[in-house]
Amino acid sequence: MAKHTDRYSNENLINLATDKYEKTKRSTLPTEIVELTSKGKIYPESSLLSSGKIEMRYMTAYDEDILTNQSYMNEGIVFDKLLESLIVSDIDVKDIAPVDKDKLIIYARIVSYGKEYGVTVTDPKTKKEIKTSVDLSKIKSLPFTLESDKNGEFEYKVNNEYTIKFSYLKQNTESISKYLTSIITQVNDSRELDAIENFVRYHFLAKESKTFREYYNEHSPRLDYNYEFEGEDGGTFNAMFQVGADLFWF
């Protein structure tokens, strides 16, 4: 009789062989180098992401199963799972900043289903909604001018007493305090979570917090979703549009 350890070992060997086979087959698919919105400036120098580029392969029909996986949909991780499958570079999806994930997802949509994406915008003259489309390939990254340190972090002087460092990698949006705690990485000389939480709870005045959040948003790396549309009268107008969960369905 085979021992349980033998069975588990065999299962591991089978899984390893399967993974190796799939990686070999996927390596034959065409790939492209995608430039990150952040240009890699928000990552530690030791990270491969600091190069500002990621190699991704084209989607196949098999990858489309990810987009229809109900469990992934319920957990809100469909796009993360898709990126895990498509990224060729030796990078963990969890380490990629949200704004850079947005760029990679849009790239995947363009090379898989085309650059035309249907949107609804409001004509400022008639106040009526217009169903039209945008060219996703025209979405560009806005200039990002902040200079980071070797950890991919940025310094901000709150007042004469406190100087903080912050990151664009992780953002907890459950509440303002949790949001601040997630993006602040250092208070004066301390990187301890307790010190950061204590600062946010007892020393970060609301006025100063608001000013910092505005600075953070204004200077964050991001895509430009401002687009020129044709109005009902034949003229043009500029408006923002949103990329939604329907990005891969048209």
Protein backbone atom coordinates (compact mmCIF):
# COMPACT_ATOMS: atom_id res chain seq x y z
CA MET A 1 0.00 0.00 0.00
CA ALA A 2 1.31 3.44 -0.92
CA LYS A 3 1.97 5.80 1.92
CA HIS A 4 0.08 9.11 2.16
CA THR A 5 3.37 10.94 1.80
CA ASP A 6 4.03 9.10 -1.45
CA ARG A 7 0.63 10.10 -2.78
CA TYR A 8 1.14 13.74 -1.86
CA SER A 9 4.60 13.67 -3.41
CA ASN A 10 3.21 12.24 -6.63
CA GLU A 11 0.50 14.87 -6.70
CA ASN A 12 3.12 17.59 -6.27
CA LEU A 13 5.19 16.15 -9.11
CA ILE A 14 2.14 16.06 -11.35
CA ASN A 15 1.29 19.66 -10.50
CA LEU A 16 4.86 20.77 -11.15
CA ALA A 17 4.92 18.96 -14.47
CA THR A 18 1.57 20.50 -15.43
CA ASP A 19 2.76 24.01 -14.52
CA LYS A 20 5.96 23.53 -16.48
CA TYR A 21 4.04 22.27 -19.52
CA GLU A 22 1.63 25.20 -19.41
CA LYS A 23 4.46 27.72 -19.05
CA THR A 24 6.23 26.14 -22.02
CA LYS A 25 3.12 26.32 -24.18
CA ARG A 26 2.34 29.88 -23.12
CA SER A 27 5.89 30.96 -23.94
CA THR A 28 5.06 30.38 -27.61
CA LEU A 29 2.34 33.06 -27.51
CA PRO A 30 3.16 36.60 -28.72
CA THR A 31 4.05 39.12 -26.02
CA GLU A 32 4.52 42.86 -25.74
CA ILE A 33 6.32 45.17 -23.33
CA VAL A 34 3.85 47.48 -21.59
CA GLU A 35 4.99 50.74 -20.02
CA LEU A 36 3.56 51.37 -16.55
CA THR A 37 1.62 54.54 -15.78
CA SER A 38 3.96 55.23 -12.86
CA LYS A 39 7.05 54.68 -15.02
CA GLY A 40 8.24 52.51 -12.12
CA LYS A 41 8.97 55.54 -9.93
CA ILE A 42 6.75 54.35 -7.07
CA TYR A 43 8.53 51.03 -6.51
CA PRO A 44 11.67 50.16 -4.54
CA GLU A 45 14.86 50.09 -6.58
CA SER A 46 15.17 46.39 -5.76
CA SER A 47 11.85 45.60 -7.46
CA LEU A 48 11.62 44.54 -11.12
CA LEU A 49 8.71 46.94 -11.33
CA SER A 50 11.11 49.88 -10.91
CA SER A 51 12.06 49.39 -14.57
CA GLY A 52 8.65 50.85 -15.42
CA LYS A 53 7.84 48.02 -17.82
CA ILE A 54 6.11 44.65 -17.74
CA GLU A 55 6.03 41.90 -20.35
CA MET A 56 2.56 40.49 -21.04
CA ARG A 57 1.32 37.85 -23.43
CA TYR A 58 -1.84 37.88 -25.53
CA MET A 59 -5.06 36.39 -24.22
CA THR A 60 -6.38 33.08 -25.49
CA ALA A 61 -9.87 31.60 -25.39
CA TYR A 62 -8.79 29.66 -22.31
CA ASP A 63 -8.08 32.93 -20.49
CA GLU A 64 -11.62 34.06 -21.18
CA ASP A 65 -12.79 31.51 -18.63
CA ILE A 66 -11.30 33.79 -15.97
CA LEU A 67 -13.62 36.61 -17.01
CA THR A 68 -16.68 34.41 -16.48
CA ASN A 69 -15.57 32.76 -13.24
CA GLN A 70 -18.41 33.47 -10.79
CA SER A 71 -16.24 32.91 -7.73
CA TYR A 72 -13.71 35.50 -8.93
CA MET A 73 -16.55 37.90 -9.68
CA ASN A 74 -18.01 37.53 -6.20
CA GLU A 75 -14.61 38.20 -4.64
CA GLY A 76 -13.87 41.11 -6.98
CA ILE A 77 -10.59 39.59 -8.14
CA VAL A 78 -11.36 38.88 -11.81
CA PHE A 79 -8.88 41.41 -13.18
CA ASP A 80 -6.15 40.36 -10.73
CA LYS A 81 -6.55 36.74 -11.79
CA LEU A 82 -6.44 37.75 -15.43
CA LEU A 83 -3.20 39.67 -14.89
CA GLU A 84 -1.70 36.72 -13.01
CA SER A 85 -2.31 34.63 -16.11
CA LEU A 86 -1.10 37.17 -18.68
CA ILE A 87 2.01 38.66 -17.07
CA VAL A 88 5.18 36.98 -18.28
CA SER A 89 7.61 38.96 -16.11
CA ASP A 90 8.53 37.36 -12.78
CA ILE A 91 6.31 39.71 -10.79
CA ASP A 92 3.63 39.14 -8.14
CA VAL A 93 0.39 40.90 -9.09
CA LYS A 94 -0.09 41.86 -5.43
CA ASP A 95 2.99 44.09 -5.71
CA ILE A 96 1.56 46.13 -8.60
CA ALA A 97 -0.02 49.48 -7.71
CA PRO A 98 -3.72 49.95 -8.61
CA VAL A 99 -3.01 52.66 -11.18
CA ASP A 100 -0.55 50.40 -13.00
CA LYS A 101 -3.03 47.51 -12.95
CA ASP A 102 -5.51 49.79 -14.72
CA LYS A 103 -3.06 50.37 -17.56
CA LEU A 104 -2.30 46.65 -17.91
CA ILE A 105 -5.99 45.71 -17.97
CA ILE A 106 -6.71 48.29 -20.67
CA TYR A 107 -3.79 46.93 -22.69
CA ALA A 108 -5.18 43.39 -22.36
CA ARG A 109 -8.57 44.63 -23.60
CA ILE A 110 -7.06 46.39 -26.63
CA VAL A 111 -4.96 43.47 -27.87
CA SER A 112 -7.72 40.96 -27.16
CA TYR A 113 -10.94 42.59 -28.33
CA GLY A 114 -9.91 45.86 -29.97
CA LYS A 115 -9.50 49.48 -28.93
CA GLU A 116 -13.12 50.62 -29.37
CA TYR A 117 -15.06 50.85 -26.10
CA GLY A 118 -18.66 51.99 -25.77
CA VAL A 119 -19.44 54.77 -23.28
CA THR A 120 -22.27 57.12 -22.38
CA VAL A 121 -21.56 60.83 -21.89
CA THR A 122 -23.70 63.95 -21.45
CA ASP A 123 -23.67 66.66 -24.11
CA PRO A 124 -23.06 69.90 -22.16
CA LYS A 125 -25.19 71.93 -24.59
CA THR A 126 -28.30 69.74 -24.81
CA LYS A 127 -27.84 68.01 -21.42
CA LYS A 128 -28.77 64.77 -23.17
CA GLU A 129 -26.92 61.49 -22.84
CA ILE A 130 -25.05 60.29 -25.92
CA LYS A 131 -24.08 56.68 -26.51
CA THR A 132 -20.77 56.70 -28.31
CA SER A 133 -17.35 55.06 -28.16
CA VAL A 134 -13.76 55.92 -27.31
CA ASP A 135 -10.44 54.72 -28.67
CA LEU A 136 -8.77 53.11 -25.66
CA SER A 137 -5.35 53.36 -27.30
CA LYS A 138 -5.61 57.16 -26.94
CA ILE A 139 -5.64 56.99 -23.14
CA LYS A 140 -2.34 58.45 -21.98
CA SER A 141 -0.58 58.72 -18.65
CA LEU A 142 -0.53 62.16 -17.05
CA PRO A 143 2.92 63.57 -16.18
CA PHE A 144 4.28 62.28 -12.89
CA THR A 145 6.93 64.62 -11.50
CA LEU A 146 7.54 63.52 -7.89
CA GLU A 147 10.95 62.04 -7.12
CA SER A 148 11.03 58.99 -4.87
CA ASP A 149 13.71 57.59 -2.61
CA LYS A 150 15.28 54.14 -2.99
CA ASN A 151 12.18 52.59 -1.40
CA GLY A 152 9.84 54.16 -3.93
CA GLU A 153 8.47 56.49 -1.24
CA PHE A 154 7.90 60.24 -1.15
CA GLU A 155 8.39 62.85 1.56
CA TYR A 156 5.79 65.38 2.72
CA LYS A 157 6.18 67.99 5.44
CA VAL A 158 2.98 68.23 7.47
CA ASN A 159 4.15 71.05 9.77
CA ASN A 160 7.19 72.05 11.79
CA GLU A 161 6.74 69.02 14.03
CA TYR A 162 5.95 66.19 11.61
CA THR A 163 7.39 64.98 8.32
CA ILE A 164 5.93 61.87 6.76
CA LYS A 165 6.75 59.50 3.95
CA PHE A 166 4.05 57.96 1.78
CA SER A 167 3.58 55.33 -0.92
CA TYR A 168 1.22 54.77 -3.84
CA LEU A 169 1.34 50.98 -3.65
CA LYS A 170 -1.51 50.10 -1.28
CA GLN A 171 -4.68 52.01 -0.49
CA ASN A 172 -7.29 50.94 2.07
CA THR A 173 -10.43 52.95 1.33
CA GLU A 174 -12.64 51.68 4.16
CA SER A 175 -12.30 54.99 6.00
CA ILE A 176 -10.15 58.12 5.95
CA SER A 177 -8.04 56.96 8.90
CA LYS A 178 -7.42 53.51 7.39
CA TYR A 179 -6.67 55.11 4.04
CA LEU A 180 -4.05 57.36 5.64
CA THR A 181 -2.58 54.50 7.65
CA SER A 182 -2.22 52.42 4.50
CA ILE A 183 -0.40 55.05 2.44
CA ILE A 184 1.79 56.61 5.15
CA THR A 185 4.94 54.55 5.63
CA GLN A 186 6.89 56.69 8.06
CA VAL A 187 6.31 59.45 10.60
CA ASN A 188 9.46 61.42 11.36
CA ASP A 189 12.00 58.63 12.03
CA SER A 190 9.56 55.84 12.87
CA ARG A 191 8.20 53.21 10.48
CA GLU A 192 6.31 51.33 13.20
CA LEU A 193 2.62 50.81 12.47
CA ASP A 194 1.73 51.83 16.02
CA ALA A 195 3.50 55.16 15.56
CA ILE A 196 1.69 55.80 12.25
CA GLU A 197 -1.70 54.92 13.74
CA ASN A 198 -0.99 57.10 16.77
CA PHE A 199 -0.08 60.02 14.51
CA VAL A 200 -3.24 59.65 12.42
CA ARG A 201 -5.47 59.26 15.48
CA TYR A 202 -4.09 61.97 17.76
CA HIS A 203 -1.84 64.38 15.86
CA PHE A 204 -2.93 64.63 12.21
CA LEU A 205 -5.37 67.55 12.34
CA ALA A 206 -8.33 67.37 9.95
CA LYS A 207 -7.23 70.47 8.04
CA GLU A 208 -3.71 69.11 7.57
CA SER A 209 -5.07 65.69 6.61
CA LYS A 210 -7.32 67.22 3.94
CA THR A 211 -4.44 69.24 2.50
CA PHE A 212 -2.23 66.15 2.36
CA ARG A 213 -4.93 64.02 0.69
CA GLU A 214 -5.41 66.72 -1.95
CA TYR A 215 -1.65 66.80 -2.54
CA TYR A 216 -1.54 63.00 -2.73
CA ASN A 217 -4.34 62.83 -5.31
CA GLU A 218 -3.08 65.77 -7.35
CA HIS A 219 0.40 64.30 -7.70
CA SER A 220 -0.51 60.63 -8.04
CA PRO A 221 0.41 58.77 -11.23
CA ARG A 222 -2.80 58.30 -13.19
CA LEU A 223 -4.34 57.84 -16.60
CA ASP A 224 -6.04 60.70 -18.41
CA TYR A 225 -9.67 59.78 -19.05
CA ASN A 226 -10.50 63.19 -20.51
CA TYR A 227 -11.66 62.65 -24.08
CA GLU A 228 -12.97 64.72 -26.99
CA PHE A 229 -16.47 63.75 -28.11
CA GLU A 230 -18.73 64.88 -30.92
CA GLY A 231 -21.90 66.65 -29.80
CA GLU A 232 -25.39 66.42 -31.28
CA ASP A 233 -24.83 69.68 -33.19
CA GLY A 234 -21.68 68.38 -34.86
CA GLY A 235 -19.37 70.33 -32.58
CA THR A 236 -16.98 68.79 -30.06
CA PHE A 237 -16.66 68.85 -26.29
CA ASN A 238 -14.34 67.33 -23.72
CA ALA A 239 -15.63 65.06 -21.00
CA MET A 240 -14.38 62.41 -18.60
CA PHE A 241 -15.43 58.82 -19.10
CA GLN A 242 -15.16 55.76 -16.88
CA VAL A 243 -13.88 52.28 -17.61
CA GLY A 244 -16.21 49.84 -15.91
CA ALA A 245 -16.57 46.15 -15.17
CA ASP A 246 -17.98 45.76 -18.69
CA LEU A 247 -14.57 46.48 -20.24
CA PHE A 248 -14.32 42.99 -21.74
CA TRP A 249 -17.99 42.77 -22.79
CA PHE A 250 -19.38 44.71 -25.73
